[in-house]
Amino acid sequence: MKALVLSGGSGSRLRPITHTSAKQLVPVANKPVLFYGLEAIRDAGITEVGIVVGDTAAAIQEAVGDGSAFGLEATYIRQDAPRGLAHAVLIAREYLGDDDFVMYLGDNFIVGGISALVEEFRPGRPDAQIMLTRVPDPRQFGVAELDAAGEVIGLRKSPASPRATWRWWGCTSSRPPCMRRCGTWRPRGGGSWRSPRPFSG
């Protein structure tokens, strides 16, 4: 299993902080938030990490290097502009090959890490498995709708009238069929290749 860490966003909503720093390098308790994600990936037993980078590539590469400081082997994948989650998976196809992978948003801090997600994914290897958390107002997030058995039956981005209070928490475990499904997509308005439809079957 490999990890794909998305670190290509510009951080426009965090300005002015991100005028001088990549949003993934904004410190949380005196450590860049990206570092927590890399440590969580390592702690889950994953050592190969592809890091999708954009305009702040130089700063992220300087901070992370070859990944050895985290016990990882880092490969950098250049994205010409922030074009959504599905596009990040598409440009990483050659790197990911036929391996299962964890997709992790580089500006997310996940309490408790991702080891439990990875351990739950490995035995049954579903096409995709997502991490959710309940929030009081999910309208600005990716919202998951579940059936009575707890299976995801739909995901909607920033719905005006959410049908649930479960939001996607920036981490997904996937198999190659999910990546191939992303390959059937074309950009929406604004040039963004959006998930989560590839993860909802």
Protein backbone atom coordinates (compact mmCIF):
# COMPACT_ATOMS: atom_id res chain seq x y z
CA MET A 1 0.00 0.00 0.00
CA LYS A 2 1.15 3.51 -0.86
CA ALA A 3 0.01 6.93 0.31
CA LEU A 4 -0.96 9.87 -1.85
CA VAL A 5 -0.72 13.17 0.05
CA LEU A 6 -2.42 16.16 -1.57
CA SER A 7 -0.37 19.30 -0.98
CA GLY A 8 -1.06 21.36 -4.08
CA GLY A 9 -3.69 23.79 -2.76
CA SER A 10 -2.96 27.50 -2.54
CA GLY A 11 -4.58 28.10 0.86
CA SER A 12 -6.56 31.15 -0.26
CA ARG A 13 -8.97 30.82 2.67
CA LEU A 14 -6.08 31.07 5.15
CA ARG A 15 -4.67 34.33 3.84
CA PRO A 16 -2.81 36.41 4.89
CA ILE A 17 -1.03 33.53 6.68
CA THR A 18 -0.45 31.66 3.40
CA HIS A 19 0.91 34.67 1.50
CA THR A 20 4.35 33.60 2.70
CA SER A 21 3.93 29.90 3.44
CA ALA A 22 2.26 26.80 2.00
CA LYS A 23 -0.92 26.02 3.92
CA GLN A 24 0.40 22.50 4.56
CA LEU A 25 3.33 24.08 6.42
CA VAL A 26 1.23 26.24 8.75
CA PRO A 27 2.36 25.24 12.26
CA VAL A 28 0.12 23.45 14.73
CA ALA A 29 1.75 23.20 18.18
CA ASN A 30 5.02 24.37 16.60
CA LYS A 31 5.04 21.70 13.88
CA PRO A 32 3.81 21.97 10.26
CA VAL A 33 0.39 20.32 9.93
CA LEU A 34 1.73 18.26 7.01
CA PHE A 35 4.24 16.57 9.32
CA TYR A 36 1.44 15.13 11.46
CA GLY A 37 -0.03 13.51 8.37
CA LEU A 38 3.27 12.03 7.29
CA GLU A 39 3.82 10.62 10.77
CA ALA A 40 0.31 9.13 10.77
CA ILE A 41 1.04 7.45 7.43
CA ARG A 42 4.28 6.01 8.77
CA ASP A 43 2.61 4.82 11.95
CA ALA A 44 0.05 2.98 9.80
CA GLY A 45 2.87 0.93 8.29
CA ILE A 46 3.06 2.74 4.94
CA THR A 47 6.51 3.78 3.75
CA GLU A 48 6.03 4.91 0.12
CA VAL A 49 4.45 8.35 -0.21
CA GLY A 50 3.59 10.34 -3.32
CA ILE A 51 3.17 14.05 -2.52
CA VAL A 52 1.12 16.06 -5.00
CA VAL A 53 2.51 19.60 -5.12
CA GLY A 54 1.68 22.83 -6.93
CA ASP A 55 2.95 26.41 -6.72
CA THR A 56 4.44 25.86 -3.26
CA ALA A 57 6.37 22.76 -4.35
CA ALA A 58 9.79 24.21 -3.48
CA ALA A 59 8.81 25.00 0.11
CA ILE A 60 7.25 21.58 0.66
CA GLN A 61 10.19 19.73 -0.88
CA GLU A 62 12.60 21.72 1.28
CA ALA A 63 10.60 20.87 4.41
CA VAL A 64 10.06 17.15 3.70
CA GLY A 65 13.10 16.30 1.60
CA ASP A 66 13.32 12.67 0.55
CA GLY A 67 11.07 11.65 3.45
CA SER A 68 13.77 9.79 5.34
CA ALA A 69 13.41 12.06 8.40
CA PHE A 70 9.91 10.56 8.77
CA GLY A 71 10.88 6.99 7.92
CA LEU A 72 9.33 7.41 4.47
CA GLU A 73 10.33 7.37 0.82
CA ALA A 74 8.86 10.51 -0.76
CA THR A 75 8.12 11.04 -4.45
CA TYR A 76 6.87 14.41 -5.70
CA ILE A 77 4.11 14.64 -8.30
CA ARG A 78 3.55 18.04 -9.89
CA GLN A 79 0.02 19.34 -10.43
CA ASP A 80 -0.23 22.38 -12.71
CA ALA A 81 -3.14 23.87 -10.74
CA PRO A 82 -5.55 22.78 -7.97
CA ARG A 83 -8.05 20.73 -10.01
CA GLY A 84 -9.76 18.61 -7.39
CA LEU A 85 -9.24 15.23 -5.78
CA ALA A 86 -9.99 13.09 -8.82
CA HIS A 87 -7.42 14.97 -10.90
CA ALA A 88 -4.77 14.41 -8.22
CA VAL A 89 -5.44 10.67 -8.41
CA LEU A 90 -5.29 10.76 -12.21
CA ILE A 91 -1.88 12.42 -12.39
CA ALA A 92 -0.57 9.93 -9.81
CA ARG A 93 -1.62 6.85 -11.82
CA GLU A 94 1.91 5.97 -12.91
CA TYR A 95 3.22 6.31 -9.37
CA LEU A 96 0.41 4.31 -7.78
CA GLY A 97 0.46 1.53 -10.38
CA ASP A 98 -1.63 -1.43 -9.22
CA ASP A 99 -1.10 -0.75 -5.52
CA ASP A 100 -3.83 -0.02 -3.00
CA PHE A 101 -3.45 3.50 -1.66
CA VAL A 102 -4.45 5.94 1.03
CA MET A 103 -5.32 9.45 -0.12
CA TYR A 104 -4.64 12.02 2.60
CA LEU A 105 -5.21 15.78 2.50
CA GLY A 106 -1.94 17.40 3.52
CA ASP A 107 -3.59 20.24 5.43
CA ASN A 108 -5.69 17.95 7.65
CA PHE A 109 -4.98 16.98 11.24
CA ILE A 110 -6.65 13.67 12.11
CA VAL A 111 -6.80 12.95 15.81
CA GLY A 112 -5.65 9.39 16.47
CA GLY A 113 -4.05 8.98 13.06
CA ILE A 114 -5.13 6.59 10.29
CA SER A 115 -3.85 3.23 11.53
CA ALA A 116 -7.35 1.99 12.37
CA LEU A 117 -8.63 2.96 8.91
CA VAL A 118 -5.80 1.11 7.19
CA GLU A 119 -6.13 -1.96 9.41
CA GLU A 120 -9.86 -2.15 8.72
CA PHE A 121 -9.34 -1.73 4.98
CA ARG A 122 -6.70 -4.41 4.42
CA PRO A 123 -8.66 -7.64 5.11
CA GLY A 124 -11.66 -6.96 2.87
CA ARG A 125 -10.09 -4.45 0.44
CA PRO A 126 -13.26 -2.60 -0.63
CA ASP A 127 -12.96 -0.38 -3.70
CA ALA A 128 -12.96 2.62 -1.37
CA GLN A 129 -13.27 3.32 2.32
CA ILE A 130 -13.57 6.80 3.79
CA MET A 131 -13.04 8.35 7.19
CA LEU A 132 -16.00 10.32 8.55
CA THR A 133 -16.68 12.56 11.51
CA ARG A 134 -19.93 14.10 12.72
CA VAL A 135 -20.21 17.91 12.67
CA PRO A 136 -23.05 20.22 13.73
CA ASP A 137 -23.17 22.15 10.42
CA PRO A 138 -21.79 20.16 7.46
CA ARG A 139 -22.79 22.60 4.69
CA GLN A 140 -19.22 23.65 3.87
CA PHE A 141 -17.86 20.10 3.74
CA GLY A 142 -18.16 16.89 1.77
CA VAL A 143 -21.19 15.21 3.35
CA ALA A 144 -21.70 11.43 3.44
CA GLU A 145 -25.13 9.79 3.39
CA LEU A 146 -25.28 6.34 4.99
CA ASP A 147 -27.79 3.52 4.79
CA ALA A 148 -29.10 1.58 7.80
CA ALA A 149 -26.07 -0.72 7.70
CA GLY A 150 -23.63 2.19 7.78
CA GLU A 151 -22.63 1.84 4.13
CA VAL A 152 -21.99 5.03 2.17
CA ILE A 153 -24.71 5.55 -0.44
CA GLY A 154 -23.78 9.05 -1.51
CA LEU A 155 -21.39 11.95 -1.05
CA ARG A 156 -22.20 15.58 -1.76
CA LYS A 157 -19.89 18.57 -1.67
CA SER A 158 -21.11 21.60 0.30
CA PRO A 159 -24.84 20.84 0.03
CA ALA A 160 -27.22 23.70 0.85
CA SER A 161 -29.58 21.28 2.61
CA PRO A 162 -27.52 18.39 4.01
CA ARG A 163 -29.30 15.08 4.55
CA ALA A 164 -26.76 13.99 7.15
CA THR A 165 -24.21 15.40 9.59
CA TRP A 166 -21.31 13.11 8.63
CA ARG A 167 -18.48 14.90 6.84
CA TRP A 168 -15.55 13.36 4.99
CA TRP A 169 -12.43 13.82 7.11
CA GLY A 170 -9.72 14.07 4.47
CA CYS A 171 -8.62 10.45 4.26
CA THR A 172 -9.65 7.64 1.90
CA SER A 173 -8.35 4.10 1.40
CA SER A 174 -8.79 2.87 -2.18
CA ARG A 175 -8.02 0.09 -4.64
CA PRO A 176 -7.04 0.46 -8.33
CA PRO A 177 -10.68 0.12 -9.59
CA CYS A 178 -11.46 3.42 -7.90
CA MET A 179 -8.50 5.04 -9.66
CA ARG A 180 -9.70 3.71 -13.03
CA ARG A 181 -13.14 5.16 -12.32
CA CYS A 182 -11.54 8.58 -11.88
CA GLY A 183 -10.14 8.16 -15.41
CA THR A 184 -13.65 8.33 -16.90
CA TRP A 185 -14.20 11.84 -15.57
CA ARG A 186 -13.95 15.21 -17.30
CA PRO A 187 -13.58 18.62 -15.62
CA ARG A 188 -16.58 20.48 -14.29
CA GLY A 189 -17.06 24.23 -14.36
CA GLY A 190 -13.95 26.08 -13.21
CA GLY A 191 -11.66 23.24 -14.35
CA SER A 192 -12.04 21.17 -11.18
CA TRP A 193 -12.04 17.36 -11.38
CA ARG A 194 -14.17 16.59 -8.38
CA SER A 195 -14.65 13.59 -6.23
CA PRO A 196 -16.38 12.11 -4.27
CA ARG A 197 -18.49 10.42 -6.96
CA PRO A 198 -15.64 8.00 -7.86
CA PHE A 199 -15.76 6.85 -4.23
CA SER A 200 -19.49 6.27 -4.08
CA GLY A 201 -19.64 3.37 -6.47
